[in-house]
């Protein structure tokens, strides 16, 4: 699946030299397995450094929020997430560095990569919360669903966004891109770890009876990302 780079959306030509392009991931029509993820050629720290510079350029050039959001979604999906593939799920995992031999629980997979991309919060305090409370803390809206099929159909009809989803005993993210809805989470099935599944066939997503969903990449949150605004947890 080819996609136009977000740079085409930008008016100021000065940004073409400042913001890196996003790589293309290989997407399965049924299930995105580890082997189908394009492994990053550069170190994780280099990826994060480039994203930081890009974020500063977006802010400095006053790029419209919609274009900032497109950049963020591309960077998360194609740049940051692939680094986390191969990290193992563990109930007590809290690694700050992705990779083979590292352990990551579901809450830390929400709090850590997004913090690395520039969201300013305490990743430990956020990850330790109950799933619903995580959604309430970092999204301005929250809706409860009790029917998975109805939830997926509704979210697929919405605009492209990253959503935070709290399950009865799990937490993850929905990535809505074009006509697809992906469930991105630290998968406890076969202790697989960070995974990207078509939401409708995710076993972990089906293990819950209730789902609490909040829109994460709202205009307000994107402004907080650009400015590095601190997002407090209830313990602050």
Foldseek 3Di string as FASTA:
>chain_A
DDDDWLVVVWDDPVCVVQADTFDDFQDDPAFCDLVRGDADPDALVVLLVSLVRSLQVCVVVVTDLVSLQVSVLRCVPGPQLNQQFQAFEDCPFQDLGHDHPGYDHFLNVVLRSVVSSFAAEDSVVLSPDAQLLNQVQQFVDKDKDQDQVVVQVVVLVDDFAKKWKGFPHGIFIWGHDNRFTWTFTQDPVVRRTTGIGRSVPDPVNVVGRMMMMGTRSDSVNSVCRSVSPHRYHPVD
